[in-house]
Amino acid sequence: MRSTNCAALLAVLVAFPHLVNAQAPSSSQAETAVRAASNAWTAAAAARDGNRMADFFAEGAFVMYPRPAATIGRAANRDVWIEFFHRPKAAHPLTTDSVIVAASGDLAYTQGRWALSYDGAQGLVSAGGRYIAVWRPSDGEWRIVALSANAHRPPPEMTAPPP
């Protein structure tokens, strides 16, 4: 039985040599892919598309926006972005200033800047700061698994948008 298992394993390895040499993408390939994903994410923000923005989060993403509680999961992040973009004249530009990839090619982080503005009850509301996002490949796409955004100054009180 053992020799049969060894022979079967050997046959598979001979027939499919790429299984032996399976590797994570190179750091430069991963950097290109992460930068493209991050740029698409920032484009979704520029387009005010909360649904598309959420697509870049992993199912279990852990996000610390400048607010009291963490936002966990893709669906919860989708809700945050859709709610924000329902505010009058809401804008949330993002930049991707740097992309750093682990030598293994299966983990990366991006650093950038963010700003927000919208018309509030008392006039224009605005804030800005920096963020760091951790990315991992999932289902063939690079997705944000963790994100922390810090405000340069305390952000405004987050209240529900007007009806």
Protein backbone atom coordinates (compact mmCIF):
# COMPACT_ATOMS: atom_id res chain seq x y z
CA MET A 1 0.00 0.00 0.00
CA ARG A 2 2.80 2.41 0.91
CA SER A 3 4.62 1.82 -2.38
CA THR A 4 1.35 2.38 -4.26
CA ASN A 5 0.90 5.75 -2.50
CA CYS A 6 4.50 6.73 -3.24
CA ALA A 7 4.14 5.71 -6.87
CA ALA A 8 0.90 7.69 -7.18
CA LEU A 9 2.52 10.77 -5.62
CA LEU A 10 5.53 10.45 -7.91
CA ALA A 11 3.24 10.13 -10.94
CA VAL A 12 1.37 13.29 -9.95
CA LEU A 13 4.61 15.23 -9.44
CA VAL A 14 6.00 14.08 -12.80
CA ALA A 15 2.73 14.89 -14.58
CA PHE A 16 2.33 18.27 -12.90
CA PRO A 17 5.80 19.68 -12.20
CA HIS A 18 4.41 23.16 -11.54
CA LEU A 19 3.03 21.82 -8.25
CA VAL A 20 6.58 21.31 -7.00
CA ASN A 21 7.65 24.80 -7.98
CA ALA A 22 4.49 26.61 -6.89
CA GLN A 23 5.50 29.97 -5.47
CA ALA A 24 3.90 33.19 -4.41
CA PRO A 25 4.23 35.95 -6.99
CA SER A 26 7.53 37.81 -6.99
CA SER A 27 7.67 40.98 -4.93
CA SER A 28 7.66 43.13 -8.07
CA GLN A 29 4.63 41.28 -9.50
CA ALA A 30 2.86 41.61 -6.17
CA GLU A 31 3.75 45.31 -5.92
CA THR A 32 2.28 45.94 -9.37
CA ALA A 33 -0.89 44.03 -8.48
CA VAL A 34 -1.31 45.76 -5.10
CA ARG A 35 -0.71 49.19 -6.60
CA ALA A 36 -3.34 48.46 -9.27
CA ALA A 37 -5.83 47.29 -6.64
CA SER A 38 -5.14 50.31 -4.43
CA ASN A 39 -5.49 52.69 -7.38
CA ALA A 40 -8.82 51.06 -8.30
CA TRP A 41 -9.93 51.45 -4.67
CA THR A 42 -9.02 55.15 -4.67
CA ALA A 43 -10.81 55.57 -8.04
CA ALA A 44 -13.94 54.07 -6.49
CA ALA A 45 -13.69 56.68 -3.72
CA ALA A 46 -13.32 59.46 -6.29
CA ALA A 47 -16.42 58.09 -8.05
CA ARG A 48 -18.32 58.05 -4.72
CA ASP A 49 -19.03 54.34 -5.23
CA GLY A 50 -19.39 52.78 -1.77
CA ASN A 51 -20.32 49.38 -3.20
CA ARG A 52 -17.19 49.21 -5.34
CA MET A 53 -15.00 50.45 -2.47
CA ALA A 54 -16.27 47.63 -0.27
CA ASP A 55 -15.33 45.05 -2.89
CA PHE A 56 -11.68 45.70 -2.02
CA PHE A 57 -12.15 44.59 1.60
CA ALA A 58 -11.72 40.95 2.66
CA GLU A 59 -14.74 39.28 4.23
CA GLY A 60 -13.26 39.62 7.72
CA ALA A 61 -11.51 42.98 7.26
CA PHE A 62 -10.74 44.82 10.50
CA VAL A 63 -10.88 48.59 9.99
CA MET A 64 -10.19 51.41 12.42
CA TYR A 65 -11.63 54.59 10.95
CA PRO A 66 -11.22 57.70 13.11
CA ARG A 67 -14.32 56.83 15.12
CA PRO A 68 -14.88 55.03 18.41
CA ALA A 69 -15.44 51.43 17.28
CA ALA A 70 -13.84 49.12 14.73
CA THR A 71 -15.72 48.26 11.56
CA ILE A 72 -15.42 44.53 10.89
CA GLY A 73 -16.22 42.74 7.65
CA ARG A 74 -16.88 43.65 4.04
CA ALA A 75 -20.62 44.20 4.56
CA ALA A 76 -20.09 46.58 7.49
CA ASN A 77 -17.51 48.55 5.50
CA ARG A 78 -19.92 48.71 2.57
CA ASP A 79 -22.54 50.22 4.90
CA VAL A 80 -20.06 52.83 6.17
CA TRP A 81 -19.10 53.97 2.68
CA ILE A 82 -22.63 54.00 1.29
CA GLU A 83 -23.83 55.99 4.31
CA PHE A 84 -21.00 58.49 3.91
CA PHE A 85 -21.60 59.06 0.20
CA HIS A 86 -25.30 59.75 0.84
CA ARG A 87 -24.29 62.97 2.60
CA PRO A 88 -24.76 66.17 0.56
CA LYS A 89 -21.70 66.91 -1.60
CA ALA A 90 -19.73 64.12 0.10
CA ALA A 91 -16.19 63.62 -1.17
CA HIS A 92 -13.46 61.34 0.13
CA PRO A 93 -10.29 61.51 -1.97
CA LEU A 94 -7.54 59.00 -1.18
CA THR A 95 -3.95 58.68 -2.36
CA THR A 96 -1.63 55.70 -2.52
CA ASP A 97 1.76 57.13 -1.57
CA SER A 98 3.69 53.89 -1.16
CA VAL A 99 3.35 50.14 -1.58
CA ILE A 100 5.52 47.76 0.45
CA VAL A 101 5.45 44.01 -0.25
CA ALA A 102 6.77 41.26 2.01
CA ALA A 103 9.59 39.18 0.54
CA SER A 104 7.18 36.23 0.48
CA GLY A 105 4.98 38.15 -1.98
CA ASP A 106 1.78 37.24 -0.13
CA LEU A 107 1.37 40.28 2.13
CA ALA A 108 1.64 44.00 1.45
CA TYR A 109 0.74 47.34 2.89
CA THR A 110 -0.06 50.69 1.36
CA GLN A 111 0.31 54.10 2.94
CA GLY A 112 -1.51 57.19 1.82
CA ARG A 113 -3.53 60.25 2.62
CA TRP A 114 -7.25 60.77 2.91
CA ALA A 115 -9.57 63.73 3.14
CA LEU A 116 -13.29 64.03 3.55
CA SER A 117 -15.81 66.76 3.12
CA TYR A 118 -19.57 67.15 2.96
CA ASP A 119 -22.23 69.74 3.60
CA GLY A 120 -23.37 69.38 7.21
CA ALA A 121 -26.15 71.12 9.09
CA GLN A 122 -23.74 73.88 10.18
CA GLY A 123 -21.91 74.21 6.85
CA LEU A 124 -18.93 72.49 5.27
CA VAL A 125 -17.46 69.64 7.30
CA SER A 126 -13.93 68.50 6.47
CA ALA A 127 -11.15 66.36 7.89
CA GLY A 128 -8.04 64.62 6.67
CA GLY A 129 -5.20 62.39 7.70
CA ARG A 130 -3.14 59.35 6.81
CA TYR A 131 -3.94 55.67 6.50
CA ILE A 132 -2.18 52.35 6.33
CA ALA A 133 -3.88 49.36 4.70
CA VAL A 134 -2.71 45.74 4.87
CA TRP A 135 -3.45 43.68 1.74
CA ARG A 136 -3.48 39.91 1.15
CA PRO A 137 -4.48 37.90 -1.90
CA SER A 138 -7.92 36.30 -1.57
CA ASP A 139 -9.85 34.51 -4.30
CA GLY A 140 -7.33 35.70 -6.88
CA GLU A 141 -7.61 39.38 -5.88
CA TRP A 142 -5.63 41.54 -3.48
CA ARG A 143 -7.96 42.67 -0.69
CA ILE A 144 -7.64 44.87 2.39
CA VAL A 145 -7.54 42.73 5.55
CA ALA A 146 -6.78 45.58 7.96
CA LEU A 147 -6.84 49.35 7.72
CA SER A 148 -6.15 52.14 10.16
CA ALA A 149 -6.90 55.77 9.36
CA ASN A 150 -5.71 58.56 11.60
CA ALA A 151 -7.01 62.12 11.51
CA HIS A 152 -4.71 65.15 11.54
CA ARG A 153 -7.25 66.72 13.84
CA PRO A 154 -10.26 65.24 15.54
CA PRO A 155 -12.88 64.32 12.95
CA PRO A 156 -16.39 65.73 13.11
CA GLU A 157 -19.12 63.89 14.95
CA MET A 158 -20.39 61.16 12.62
CA THR A 159 -24.16 61.47 12.49
CA ALA A 160 -26.65 59.94 10.11
CA PRO A 161 -27.12 61.81 6.83
CA PRO A 162 -30.27 63.84 6.40
CA PRO A 163 -33.22 61.98 4.83
